[in-house]
Amino acid sequence: MRDKETELARFREKRERFMALTERAISEESDEKFIEILTERSAILRPLIEQNIDQSWVREEDLRKEEKILKRLENIRKKTLSEMENLSKRKNLLRSYHPISPFPSMPAFFEKEE
């Protein structure tokens, strides 16, 4: 009985930490910090999944928060792919650029003979 109570207390503690990190991630403006928080949150989630605990603790509100996180991750992914495409285009343009004469021609100094 004591073991079950201890396990349940640990589960609640991990769940509270997980939800706190979820809130922080949603409110974070910086994409880098957002990803860092999700990575930290993932470390807490793995043991919870491995314990095969009844998922009745998941509420509708929690699912909405996860949807917000997924939408933001999708936007970050799209933005990253777009930036990669732009960099690739620039790189190809630089490779294909071959100036005929990279420096302006020097003026010729000739004296006109009369």
PDB file of N, CA and C in Angstrom:
ATOM      1  N   MET A   1       0.837  -1.196   0.000  1.00  0.00           N
ATOM      2  CA  MET A   1       0.000   0.000   0.000  1.00  0.00           C
ATOM      3  C   MET A   1       0.878   1.255   0.000  1.00  0.00           C
ATOM      4  N   ARG A   2       1.917   1.223   0.827  1.00  0.00           N
ATOM      5  CA  ARG A   2       2.810   2.370   0.929  1.00  0.00           C
ATOM      6  C   ARG A   2       3.538   2.625  -0.400  1.00  0.00           C
ATOM      7  N   ASP A   3       3.947   1.533  -1.049  1.00  0.00           N
ATOM      8  CA  ASP A   3       4.641   1.657  -2.330  1.00  0.00           C
ATOM      9  C   ASP A   3       3.746   2.300  -3.387  1.00  0.00           C
ATOM     10  N   LYS A   4       2.503   1.917  -3.383  1.00  0.00           N
ATOM     11  CA  LYS A   4       1.549   2.462  -4.350  1.00  0.00           C
ATOM     12  C   LYS A   4       1.338   3.966  -4.109  1.00  0.00           C
ATOM     13  N   GLU A   5       1.254   4.365  -2.847  1.00  0.00           N
ATOM     14  CA  GLU A   5       1.095   5.784  -2.503  1.00  0.00           C
ATOM     15  C   GLU A   5       2.334   6.579  -2.897  1.00  0.00           C
ATOM     16  N   THR A   6       3.498   6.002  -2.651  1.00  0.00           N
ATOM     17  CA  THR A   6       4.754   6.664  -3.015  1.00  0.00           C
ATOM     18  C   THR A   6       4.856   6.820  -4.529  1.00  0.00           C
ATOM     19  N   GLU A   7       4.498   5.779  -5.239  1.00  0.00           N
ATOM     20  CA  GLU A   7       4.534   5.819  -6.697  1.00  0.00           C
ATOM     21  C   GLU A   7       3.557   6.859  -7.233  1.00  0.00           C
ATOM     22  N   LEU A   8       2.384   6.904  -6.644  1.00  0.00           N
ATOM     23  CA  LEU A   8       1.382   7.876  -7.062  1.00  0.00           C
ATOM     24  C   LEU A   8       1.849   9.304  -6.761  1.00  0.00           C
ATOM     25  N   ALA A   9       2.495   9.506  -5.626  1.00  0.00           N
ATOM     26  CA  ALA A   9       3.014  10.830  -5.262  1.00  0.00           C
ATOM     27  C   ALA A   9       4.105  11.257  -6.250  1.00  0.00           C
ATOM     28  N   ARG A  10       4.982  10.327  -6.617  1.00  0.00           N
ATOM     29  CA  ARG A  10       6.031  10.633  -7.605  1.00  0.00           C
ATOM     30  C   ARG A  10       5.418  10.973  -8.953  1.00  0.00           C
ATOM     31  N   PHE A  11       4.392  10.211  -9.325  1.00  0.00           N
ATOM     32  CA  PHE A  11       3.711  10.470 -10.589  1.00  0.00           C
ATOM     33  C   PHE A  11       3.114  11.872 -10.604  1.00  0.00           C
ATOM     34  N   ARG A  12       2.435  12.232  -9.525  1.00  0.00           N
ATOM     35  CA  ARG A  12       1.820  13.570  -9.440  1.00  0.00           C
ATOM     36  C   ARG A  12       2.883  14.665  -9.522  1.00  0.00           C
ATOM     37  N   GLU A  13       3.992  14.439  -8.861  1.00  0.00           N
ATOM     38  CA  GLU A  13       5.084  15.411  -8.881  1.00  0.00           C
ATOM     39  C   GLU A  13       5.635  15.580 -10.301  1.00  0.00           C
ATOM     40  N   LYS A  14       5.846  14.466 -10.980  1.00  0.00           N
ATOM     41  CA  LYS A  14       6.343  14.531 -12.365  1.00  0.00           C
ATOM     42  C   LYS A  14       5.320  15.192 -13.280  1.00  0.00           C
ATOM     43  N   ARG A  15       4.053  14.865 -13.062  1.00  0.00           N
ATOM     44  CA  ARG A  15       2.998  15.457 -13.887  1.00  0.00           C
ATOM     45  C   ARG A  15       2.940  16.970 -13.690  1.00  0.00           C
ATOM     46  N   GLU A  16       3.044  17.429 -12.455  1.00  0.00           N
ATOM     47  CA  GLU A  16       3.033  18.867 -12.172  1.00  0.00           C
ATOM     48  C   GLU A  16       4.228  19.557 -12.834  1.00  0.00           C
ATOM     49  N   ARG A  17       5.394  18.925 -12.763  1.00  0.00           N
ATOM     50  CA  ARG A  17       6.587  19.482 -13.407  1.00  0.00           C
ATOM     51  C   ARG A  17       6.403  19.530 -14.919  1.00  0.00           C
ATOM     52  N   PHE A  18       5.832  18.460 -15.463  1.00  0.00           N
ATOM     53  CA  PHE A  18       5.559  18.396 -16.900  1.00  0.00           C
ATOM     54  C   PHE A  18       4.614  19.520 -17.329  1.00  0.00           C
ATOM     55  N   MET A  19       3.543  19.708 -16.569  1.00  0.00           N
ATOM     56  CA  MET A  19       2.563  20.742 -16.916  1.00  0.00           C
ATOM     57  C   MET A  19       3.151  22.140 -16.759  1.00  0.00           C
ATOM     58  N   ALA A  20       4.007  22.340 -15.745  1.00  0.00           N
ATOM     59  CA  ALA A  20       4.658  23.639 -15.568  1.00  0.00           C
ATOM     60  C   ALA A  20       5.568  23.946 -16.760  1.00  0.00           C
ATOM     61  N   LEU A  21       6.302  22.941 -17.223  1.00  0.00           N
ATOM     62  CA  LEU A  21       7.158  23.137 -18.398  1.00  0.00           C
ATOM     63  C   LEU A  21       6.324  23.383 -19.653  1.00  0.00           C
ATOM     64  N   THR A  22       5.172  22.738 -19.738  1.00  0.00           N
ATOM     65  CA  THR A  22       4.274  22.970 -20.870  1.00  0.00           C
ATOM     66  C   THR A  22       3.825  24.426 -20.898  1.00  0.00           C
ATOM     67  N   GLU A  23       3.432  24.943 -19.747  1.00  0.00           N
ATOM     68  CA  GLU A  23       3.014  26.352 -19.654  1.00  0.00           C
ATOM     69  C   GLU A  23       4.154  27.290 -20.040  1.00  0.00           C
ATOM     70  N   ARG A  24       5.348  26.998 -19.528  1.00  0.00           N
ATOM     71  CA  ARG A  24       6.512  27.831 -19.858  1.00  0.00           C
ATOM     72  C   ARG A  24       6.794  27.817 -21.352  1.00  0.00           C
ATOM     73  N   ALA A  25       6.700  26.644 -21.956  1.00  0.00           N
ATOM     74  CA  ALA A  25       6.970  26.521 -23.394  1.00  0.00           C
ATOM     75  C   ALA A  25       5.967  27.333 -24.206  1.00  0.00           C
ATOM     76  N   ILE A  26       4.702  27.245 -23.828  1.00  0.00           N
ATOM     77  CA  ILE A  26       3.666  27.971 -24.568  1.00  0.00           C
ATOM     78  C   ILE A  26       3.873  29.475 -24.461  1.00  0.00           C
ATOM     79  N   SER A  27       4.284  29.951 -23.305  1.00  0.00           N
ATOM     80  CA  SER A  27       4.439  31.398 -23.117  1.00  0.00           C
ATOM     81  C   SER A  27       5.792  31.929 -23.598  1.00  0.00           C
ATOM     82  N   GLU A  28       6.711  31.046 -23.951  1.00  0.00           N
ATOM     83  CA  GLU A  28       8.050  31.465 -24.371  1.00  0.00           C
ATOM     84  C   GLU A  28       8.014  32.081 -25.772  1.00  0.00           C
ATOM     85  N   GLU A  29       8.671  33.229 -25.912  1.00  0.00           N
ATOM     86  CA  GLU A  29       8.690  33.925 -27.200  1.00  0.00           C
ATOM     87  C   GLU A  29       9.797  33.404 -28.117  1.00  0.00           C
ATOM     88  N   SER A  30      10.949  33.123 -27.550  1.00  0.00           N
ATOM     89  CA  SER A  30      12.111  32.691 -28.323  1.00  0.00           C
ATOM     90  C   SER A  30      11.950  31.241 -28.776  1.00  0.00           C
ATOM     91  N   ASP A  31      12.196  31.001 -30.060  1.00  0.00           N
ATOM     92  CA  ASP A  31      12.096  29.641 -30.582  1.00  0.00           C
ATOM     93  C   ASP A  31      13.157  28.728 -29.970  1.00  0.00           C
ATOM     94  N   GLU A  32      14.351  29.252 -29.786  1.00  0.00           N
ATOM     95  CA  GLU A  32      15.431  28.447 -29.198  1.00  0.00           C
ATOM     96  C   GLU A  32      15.073  27.988 -27.789  1.00  0.00           C
ATOM     97  N   LYS A  33      14.613  28.919 -26.977  1.00  0.00           N
ATOM     98  CA  LYS A  33      14.245  28.605 -25.595  1.00  0.00           C
ATOM     99  C   LYS A  33      13.048  27.643 -25.577  1.00  0.00           C
ATOM    100  N   PHE A  34      12.125  27.846 -26.492  1.00  0.00           N
ATOM    101  CA  PHE A  34      10.956  26.977 -26.625  1.00  0.00           C
ATOM    102  C   PHE A  34      11.397  25.526 -26.840  1.00  0.00           C
ATOM    103  N   ILE A  35      12.345  25.320 -27.745  1.00  0.00           N
ATOM    104  CA  ILE A  35      12.842  23.975 -28.034  1.00  0.00           C
ATOM    105  C   ILE A  35      13.582  23.401 -26.823  1.00  0.00           C
ATOM    106  N   GLU A  36      14.362  24.232 -26.131  1.00  0.00           N
ATOM    107  CA  GLU A  36      15.064  23.771 -24.929  1.00  0.00           C
ATOM    108  C   GLU A  36      14.079  23.276 -23.867  1.00  0.00           C
ATOM    109  N   ILE A  37      13.014  24.029 -23.657  1.00  0.00           N
ATOM    110  CA  ILE A  37      12.003  23.652 -22.660  1.00  0.00           C
ATOM    111  C   ILE A  37      11.330  22.341 -23.063  1.00  0.00           C
ATOM    112  N   LEU A  38      11.025  22.189 -24.351  1.00  0.00           N
ATOM    113  CA  LEU A  38      10.400  20.946 -24.812  1.00  0.00           C
ATOM    114  C   LEU A  38      11.329  19.744 -24.635  1.00  0.00           C
ATOM    115  N   THR A  39      12.620  19.966 -24.816  1.00  0.00           N
ATOM    116  CA  THR A  39      13.588  18.888 -24.612  1.00  0.00           C
ATOM    117  C   THR A  39      13.616  18.467 -23.149  1.00  0.00           C
ATOM    118  N   GLU A  40      13.604  19.462 -22.273  1.00  0.00           N
ATOM    119  CA  GLU A  40      13.571  19.172 -20.836  1.00  0.00           C
ATOM    120  C   GLU A  40      12.271  18.445 -20.466  1.00  0.00           C
ATOM    121  N   ARG A  41      11.188  18.890 -21.059  1.00  0.00           N
ATOM    122  CA  ARG A  41       9.877  18.289 -20.811  1.00  0.00           C
ATOM    123  C   ARG A  41       9.832  16.847 -21.305  1.00  0.00           C
ATOM    124  N   SER A  42      10.482  16.584 -22.408  1.00  0.00           N
ATOM    125  CA  SER A  42      10.524  15.243 -22.979  1.00  0.00           C
ATOM    126  C   SER A  42      11.206  14.257 -22.039  1.00  0.00           C
ATOM    127  N   ALA A  43      12.234  14.726 -21.328  1.00  0.00           N
ATOM    128  CA  ALA A  43      12.935  13.866 -20.376  1.00  0.00           C
ATOM    129  C   ALA A  43      12.012  13.433 -19.236  1.00  0.00           C
ATOM    130  N   ILE A  44      11.048  14.261 -18.903  1.00  0.00           N
ATOM    131  CA  ILE A  44      10.089  13.912 -17.847  1.00  0.00           C
ATOM    132  C   ILE A  44       9.011  12.978 -18.396  1.00  0.00           C
ATOM    133  N   LEU A  45       8.631  13.176 -19.638  1.00  0.00           N
ATOM    134  CA  LEU A  45       7.538  12.407 -20.228  1.00  0.00           C
ATOM    135  C   LEU A  45       7.901  10.941 -20.465  1.00  0.00           C
ATOM    136  N   ARG A  46       9.127  10.682 -20.882  1.00  0.00           N
ATOM    137  CA  ARG A  46       9.518   9.298 -21.191  1.00  0.00           C
ATOM    138  C   ARG A  46       9.251   8.328 -20.039  1.00  0.00           C
ATOM    139  N   PRO A  47       9.712   8.629 -18.809  1.00  0.00           N
ATOM    140  CA  PRO A  47       9.416   7.698 -17.704  1.00  0.00           C
ATOM    141  C   PRO A  47       7.921   7.541 -17.433  1.00  0.00           C
ATOM    142  N   LEU A  48       7.166   8.612 -17.640  1.00  0.00           N
ATOM    143  CA  LEU A  48       5.716   8.512 -17.429  1.00  0.00           C
ATOM    144  C   LEU A  48       5.089   7.540 -18.423  1.00  0.00           C
ATOM    145  N   ILE A  49       5.557   7.580 -19.647  1.00  0.00           N
ATOM    146  CA  ILE A  49       5.020   6.670 -20.670  1.00  0.00           C
ATOM    147  C   ILE A  49       5.433   5.233 -20.366  1.00  0.00           C
ATOM    148  N   GLU A  50       6.681   5.069 -19.946  1.00  0.00           N
ATOM    149  CA  GLU A  50       7.193   3.723 -19.665  1.00  0.00           C
ATOM    150  C   GLU A  50       6.482   3.054 -18.486  1.00  0.00           C
ATOM    151  N   GLN A  51       5.927   3.841 -17.579  1.00  0.00           N
ATOM    152  CA  GLN A  51       5.243   3.277 -16.415  1.00  0.00           C
ATOM    153  C   GLN A  51       3.872   2.699 -16.767  1.00  0.00           C
ATOM    154  N   ASN A  52       3.399   2.980 -17.965  1.00  0.00           N
ATOM    155  CA  ASN A  52       2.080   2.486 -18.402  1.00  0.00           C
ATOM    156  C   ASN A  52       0.969   2.838 -17.413  1.00  0.00           C
ATOM    157  N   ILE A  53       0.989   4.047 -16.949  1.00  0.00           N
ATOM    158  CA  ILE A  53      -0.031   4.501 -16.007  1.00  0.00           C
ATOM    159  C   ILE A  53      -1.278   4.893 -16.792  1.00  0.00           C
ATOM    160  N   ASP A  54      -2.421   4.652 -16.196  1.00  0.00           N
ATOM    161  CA  ASP A  54      -3.693   4.989 -16.815  1.00  0.00           C
ATOM    162  C   ASP A  54      -3.673   6.453 -17.253  1.00  0.00           C
ATOM    163  N   GLN A  55      -4.073   6.700 -18.484  1.00  0.00           N
ATOM    164  CA  GLN A  55      -3.995   8.049 -19.036  1.00  0.00           C
ATOM    165  C   GLN A  55      -5.270   8.850 -18.807  1.00  0.00           C
ATOM    166  N   SER A  56      -6.040   8.470 -17.811  1.00  0.00           N
ATOM    167  CA  SER A  56      -7.257   9.213 -17.497  1.00  0.00           C
ATOM    168  C   SER A  56      -6.932  10.593 -16.928  1.00  0.00           C
ATOM    169  N   TRP A  57      -5.682  10.802 -16.541  1.00  0.00           N
ATOM    170  CA  TRP A  57      -5.276  12.101 -15.999  1.00  0.00           C
ATOM    171  C   TRP A  57      -5.169  13.167 -17.076  1.00  0.00           C
ATOM    172  N   VAL A  58      -5.181  12.761 -18.343  1.00  0.00           N
ATOM    173  CA  VAL A  58      -5.096  13.728 -19.443  1.00  0.00           C
ATOM    174  C   VAL A  58      -6.449  14.405 -19.589  1.00  0.00           C
ATOM    175  N   ARG A  59      -6.434  15.718 -19.494  1.00  0.00           N
ATOM    176  CA  ARG A  59      -7.673  16.492 -19.590  1.00  0.00           C
ATOM    177  C   ARG A  59      -7.781  17.134 -20.973  1.00  0.00           C
ATOM    178  N   GLU A  60      -8.961  17.604 -21.275  1.00  0.00           N
ATOM    179  CA  GLU A  60      -9.210  18.282 -22.546  1.00  0.00           C
ATOM    180  C   GLU A  60      -8.312  19.517 -22.677  1.00  0.00           C
ATOM    181  N   GLU A  61      -8.139  20.227 -21.587  1.00  0.00           N
ATOM    182  CA  GLU A  61      -7.286  21.423 -21.575  1.00  0.00           C
ATOM    183  C   GLU A  61      -5.838  21.054 -21.921  1.00  0.00           C
ATOM    184  N   ASP A  62      -5.372  19.931 -21.401  1.00  0.00           N
ATOM    185  CA  ASP A  62      -4.015  19.465 -21.687  1.00  0.00           C
ATOM    186  C   ASP A  62      -3.845  19.178 -23.177  1.00  0.00           C
ATOM    187  N   LEU A  63      -4.860  18.594 -23.775  1.00  0.00           N
ATOM    188  CA  LEU A  63      -4.805  18.291 -25.205  1.00  0.00           C
ATOM    189  C   LEU A  63      -4.757  19.562 -26.040  1.00  0.00           C
ATOM    190  N   ARG A  64      -5.477  20.588 -25.633  1.00  0.00           N
ATOM    191  CA  ARG A  64      -5.437  21.876 -26.344  1.00  0.00           C
ATOM    192  C   ARG A  64      -4.051  22.497 -26.263  1.00  0.00           C
ATOM    193  N   LYS A  65      -3.422  22.378 -25.116  1.00  0.00           N
ATOM    194  CA  LYS A  65      -2.063  22.898 -24.952  1.00  0.00           C
ATOM    195  C   LYS A  65      -1.089  22.160 -25.870  1.00  0.00           C
ATOM    196  N   GLU A  66      -1.262  20.853 -25.952  1.00  0.00           N
ATOM    197  CA  GLU A  66      -0.395  20.059 -26.836  1.00  0.00           C
ATOM    198  C   GLU A  66      -0.608  20.450 -28.294  1.00  0.00           C
ATOM    199  N   GLU A  67      -1.846  20.754 -28.665  1.00  0.00           N
ATOM    200  CA  GLU A  67      -2.124  21.200 -30.027  1.00  0.00           C
ATOM    201  C   GLU A  67      -1.423  22.523 -30.315  1.00  0.00           C
ATOM    202  N   LYS A  68      -1.416  23.441 -29.344  1.00  0.00           N
ATOM    203  CA  LYS A  68      -0.704  24.707 -29.507  1.00  0.00           C
ATOM    204  C   LYS A  68       0.784  24.460 -29.727  1.00  0.00           C
ATOM    205  N   ILE A  69       1.333  23.545 -28.944  1.00  0.00           N
ATOM    206  CA  ILE A  69       2.754  23.232 -29.076  1.00  0.00           C
ATOM    207  C   ILE A  69       3.044  22.629 -30.446  1.00  0.00           C
ATOM    208  N   LEU A  70       2.186  21.729 -30.900  1.00  0.00           N
ATOM    209  CA  LEU A  70       2.385  21.107 -32.208  1.00  0.00           C
ATOM    210  C   LEU A  70       2.297  22.128 -33.337  1.00  0.00           C
ATOM    211  N   LYS A  71       1.358  23.064 -33.240  1.00  0.00           N
ATOM    212  CA  LYS A  71       1.231  24.105 -34.265  1.00  0.00           C
ATOM    213  C   LYS A  71       2.484  24.966 -34.306  1.00  0.00           C
ATOM    214  N   ARG A  72       2.988  25.321 -33.140  1.00  0.00           N
ATOM    215  CA  ARG A  72       4.199  26.146 -33.103  1.00  0.00           C
ATOM    216  C   ARG A  72       5.398  25.374 -33.655  1.00  0.00           C
ATOM    217  N   LEU A  73       5.509  24.105 -33.313  1.00  0.00           N
ATOM    218  CA  LEU A  73       6.596  23.287 -33.862  1.00  0.00           C
ATOM    219  C   LEU A  73       6.501  23.202 -35.380  1.00  0.00           C
ATOM    220  N   GLU A  74       5.302  23.083 -35.892  1.00  0.00           N
ATOM    221  CA  GLU A  74       5.106  23.030 -37.339  1.00  0.00           C
ATOM    222  C   GLU A  74       5.519  24.359 -37.983  1.00  0.00           C
ATOM    223  N   ASN A  75       5.170  25.483 -37.348  1.00  0.00           N
ATOM    224  CA  ASN A  75       5.578  26.789 -37.871  1.00  0.00           C
ATOM    225  C   ASN A  75       7.090  26.942 -37.854  1.00  0.00           C
ATOM    226  N   ILE A  76       7.733  26.486 -36.796  1.00  0.00           N
ATOM    227  CA  ILE A  76       9.200  26.546 -36.705  1.00  0.00           C
ATOM    228  C   ILE A  76       9.817  25.680 -37.802  1.00  0.00           C
ATOM    229  N   ARG A  77       9.243  24.510 -38.024  1.00  0.00           N
ATOM    230  CA  ARG A  77       9.749  23.622 -39.073  1.00  0.00           C
ATOM    231  C   ARG A  77       9.641  24.281 -40.448  1.00  0.00           C
ATOM    232  N   LYS A  78       8.483  24.877 -40.725  1.00  0.00           N
ATOM    233  CA  LYS A  78       8.288  25.556 -42.018  1.00  0.00           C
ATOM    234  C   LYS A  78       9.265  26.708 -42.183  1.00  0.00           C
ATOM    235  N   LYS A  79       9.443  27.491 -41.117  1.00  0.00           N
ATOM    236  CA  LYS A  79      10.365  28.620 -41.163  1.00  0.00           C
ATOM    237  C   LYS A  79      11.800  28.149 -41.414  1.00  0.00           C
ATOM    238  N   THR A  80      12.188  27.085 -40.750  1.00  0.00           N
ATOM    239  CA  THR A  80      13.534  26.539 -40.911  1.00  0.00           C
ATOM    240  C   THR A  80      13.749  26.028 -42.330  1.00  0.00           C
ATOM    241  N   LEU A  81      12.771  25.308 -42.863  1.00  0.00           N
ATOM    242  CA  LEU A  81      12.890  24.817 -44.242  1.00  0.00           C
ATOM    243  C   LEU A  81      12.968  25.964 -45.238  1.00  0.00           C
ATOM    244  N   SER A  82      12.207  27.012 -45.010  1.00  0.00           N
ATOM    245  CA  SER A  82      12.237  28.178 -45.881  1.00  0.00           C
ATOM    246  C   SER A  82      13.610  28.857 -45.836  1.00  0.00           C
ATOM    247  N   GLU A  83      14.163  28.981 -44.640  1.00  0.00           N
ATOM    248  CA  GLU A  83      15.494  29.580 -44.505  1.00  0.00           C
ATOM    249  C   GLU A  83      16.555  28.721 -45.187  1.00  0.00           C
ATOM    250  N   MET A  84      16.418  27.413 -45.062  1.00  0.00           N
ATOM    251  CA  MET A  84      17.374  26.512 -45.717  1.00  0.00           C
ATOM    252  C   MET A  84      17.281  26.633 -47.237  1.00  0.00           C
ATOM    253  N   GLU A  85      16.070  26.764 -47.742  1.00  0.00           N
ATOM    254  CA  GLU A  85      15.877  26.911 -49.184  1.00  0.00           C
ATOM    255  C   GLU A  85      16.507  28.213 -49.678  1.00  0.00           C
ATOM    256  N   ASN A  86      16.298  29.298 -48.921  1.00  0.00           N
ATOM    257  CA  ASN A  86      16.893  30.580 -49.302  1.00  0.00           C
ATOM    258  C   ASN A  86      18.415  30.514 -49.299  1.00  0.00           C
ATOM    259  N   LEU A  87      18.987  29.869 -48.288  1.00  0.00           N
ATOM    260  CA  LEU A  87      20.441  29.720 -48.238  1.00  0.00           C
ATOM    261  C   LEU A  87      20.953  28.888 -49.412  1.00  0.00           C
ATOM    262  N   SER A  88      20.229  27.865 -49.758  1.00  0.00           N
ATOM    263  CA  SER A  88      20.619  27.019 -50.878  1.00  0.00           C
ATOM    264  C   SER A  88      20.595  27.811 -52.188  1.00  0.00           C
ATOM    265  N   LYS A  89      19.571  28.617 -52.380  1.00  0.00           N
ATOM    266  CA  LYS A  89      19.481  29.439 -53.593  1.00  0.00           C
ATOM    267  C   LYS A  89      20.635  30.428 -53.665  1.00  0.00           C
ATOM    268  N   ARG A  90      20.942  31.066 -52.537  1.00  0.00           N
ATOM    269  CA  ARG A  90      22.057  32.016 -52.513  1.00  0.00           C
ATOM    270  C   ARG A  90      23.375  31.324 -52.836  1.00  0.00           C
ATOM    271  N   LYS A  91      23.556  30.159 -52.263  1.00  0.00           N
ATOM    272  CA  LYS A  91      24.783  29.403 -52.502  1.00  0.00           C
ATOM    273  C   LYS A  91      24.912  29.064 -53.982  1.00  0.00           C
ATOM    274  N   ASN A  92      23.825  28.628 -54.600  1.00  0.00           N
ATOM    275  CA  ASN A  92      23.856  28.304 -56.034  1.00  0.00           C
ATOM    276  C   ASN A  92      24.105  29.542 -56.880  1.00  0.00           C
ATOM    277  N   LEU A  93      23.529  30.664 -56.484  1.00  0.00           N
ATOM    278  CA  LEU A  93      23.768  31.895 -57.223  1.00  0.00           C
ATOM    279  C   LEU A  93      25.232  32.305 -57.138  1.00  0.00           C
ATOM    280  N   LEU A  94      25.820  32.186 -55.964  1.00  0.00           N
ATOM    281  CA  LEU A  94      27.227  32.537 -55.813  1.00  0.00           C
ATOM    282  C   LEU A  94      28.123  31.615 -56.623  1.00  0.00           C
ATOM    283  N   ARG A  95      27.785  30.356 -56.692  1.00  0.00           N
ATOM    284  CA  ARG A  95      28.573  29.415 -57.493  1.00  0.00           C
ATOM    285  C   ARG A  95      28.478  29.729 -58.978  1.00  0.00           C
ATOM    286  N   SER A  96      27.309  30.138 -59.429  1.00  0.00           N
ATOM    287  CA  SER A  96      27.112  30.369 -60.853  1.00  0.00           C
ATOM    288  C   SER A  96      27.619  31.745 -61.303  1.00  0.00           C
ATOM    289  N   TYR A  97      27.953  32.606 -60.389  1.00  0.00           N
ATOM    290  CA  TYR A  97      28.422  33.950 -60.755  1.00  0.00           C
ATOM    291  C   TYR A  97      29.882  33.884 -61.177  1.00  0.00           C
ATOM    292  N   HIS A  98      30.141  34.252 -62.450  1.00  0.00           N
ATOM    293  CA  HIS A  98      31.506  34.312 -62.976  1.00  0.00           C
ATOM    294  C   HIS A  98      31.677  35.659 -63.660  1.00  0.00           C
ATOM    295  N   PRO A  99      32.278  36.594 -62.990  1.00  0.00           N
ATOM    296  CA  PRO A  99      32.443  37.905 -63.617  1.00  0.00           C
ATOM    297  C   PRO A  99      33.432  37.818 -64.778  1.00  0.00           C
ATOM    298  N   ILE A 100      33.137  38.567 -65.819  1.00  0.00           N
ATOM    299  CA  ILE A 100      34.028  38.583 -66.985  1.00  0.00           C
ATOM    300  C   ILE A 100      35.332  39.267 -66.591  1.00  0.00           C
ATOM    301  N   SER A 101      35.201  40.410 -65.998  1.00  0.00           N
ATOM    302  CA  SER A 101      36.390  41.091 -65.483  1.00  0.00           C
ATOM    303  C   SER A 101      36.026  41.611 -64.105  1.00  0.00           C
ATOM    304  N   PRO A 102      36.566  41.023 -63.086  1.00  0.00           N
ATOM    305  CA  PRO A 102      36.167  41.374 -61.738  1.00  0.00           C
ATOM    306  C   PRO A 102      36.531  42.791 -61.308  1.00  0.00           C
ATOM    307  N   PHE A 103      37.559  43.354 -61.946  1.00  0.00           N
ATOM    308  CA  PHE A 103      37.952  44.729 -61.615  1.00  0.00           C
ATOM    309  C   PHE A 103      37.690  45.615 -62.815  1.00  0.00           C
ATOM    310  N   PRO A 104      37.369  46.872 -62.570  1.00  0.00           N
ATOM    311  CA  PRO A 104      37.162  47.772 -63.721  1.00  0.00           C
ATOM    312  C   PRO A 104      38.471  47.924 -64.510  1.00  0.00           C
ATOM    313  N   SER A 105      38.320  48.051 -65.797  1.00  0.00           N
ATOM    314  CA  SER A 105      39.516  48.163 -66.638  1.00  0.00           C
ATOM    315  C   SER A 105      40.257  49.454 -66.322  1.00  0.00           C
ATOM    316  N   MET A 106      41.570  49.367 -66.420  1.00  0.00           N
ATOM    317  CA  MET A 106      42.413  50.539 -66.140  1.00  0.00           C
ATOM    318  C   MET A 106      42.368  51.462 -67.361  1.00  0.00           C
ATOM    319  N   PRO A 107      42.281  52.742 -67.108  1.00  0.00           N
ATOM    320  CA  PRO A 107      42.281  53.666 -68.264  1.00  0.00           C
ATOM    321  C   PRO A 107      43.660  53.651 -68.937  1.00  0.00           C
ATOM    322  N   ALA A 108      43.626  53.705 -70.225  1.00  0.00           N
ATOM    323  CA  ALA A 108      44.886  53.712 -70.994  1.00  0.00           C
ATOM    324  C   ALA A 108      45.364  55.147 -71.112  1.00  0.00           C
ATOM    325  N   PHE A 109      46.636  55.343 -70.837  1.00  0.00           N
ATOM    326  CA  PHE A 109      47.202  56.691 -70.929  1.00  0.00           C
ATOM    327  C   PHE A 109      48.078  56.770 -72.183  1.00  0.00           C
ATOM    328  N   PHE A 110      47.529  57.352 -73.209  1.00  0.00           N
ATOM    329  CA  PHE A 110      48.266  57.541 -74.461  1.00  0.00           C
ATOM    330  C   PHE A 110      48.319  59.027 -74.759  1.00  0.00           C
ATOM    331  N   GLU A 111      49.439  59.395 -75.231  1.00  0.00           N
ATOM    332  CA  GLU A 111      49.555  60.788 -75.668  1.00  0.00           C
ATOM    333  C   GLU A 111      49.332  60.828 -77.167  1.00  0.00           C
ATOM    334  N   LYS A 112      48.574  61.773 -77.544  1.00  0.00           N
ATOM    335  CA  LYS A 112      48.264  61.924 -78.956  1.00  0.00           C
ATOM    336  C   LYS A 112      49.407  62.671 -79.622  1.00  0.00           C
ATOM    337  N   GLU A 113      49.991  62.046 -80.662  1.00  0.00           N
ATOM    338  CA  GLU A 113      51.093  62.704 -81.383  1.00  0.00           C
ATOM    339  C   GLU A 113      50.518  63.571 -82.464  1.00  0.00           C
ATOM    340  N   GLU A 114      51.124  64.735 -82.606  1.00  0.00           N
ATOM    341  CA  GLU A 114      50.631  65.654 -83.632  1.00  0.00           C
ATOM    342  C   GLU A 114      51.603  65.838 -84.727  1.00  0.00           C
TER     343      GLU A 114
END
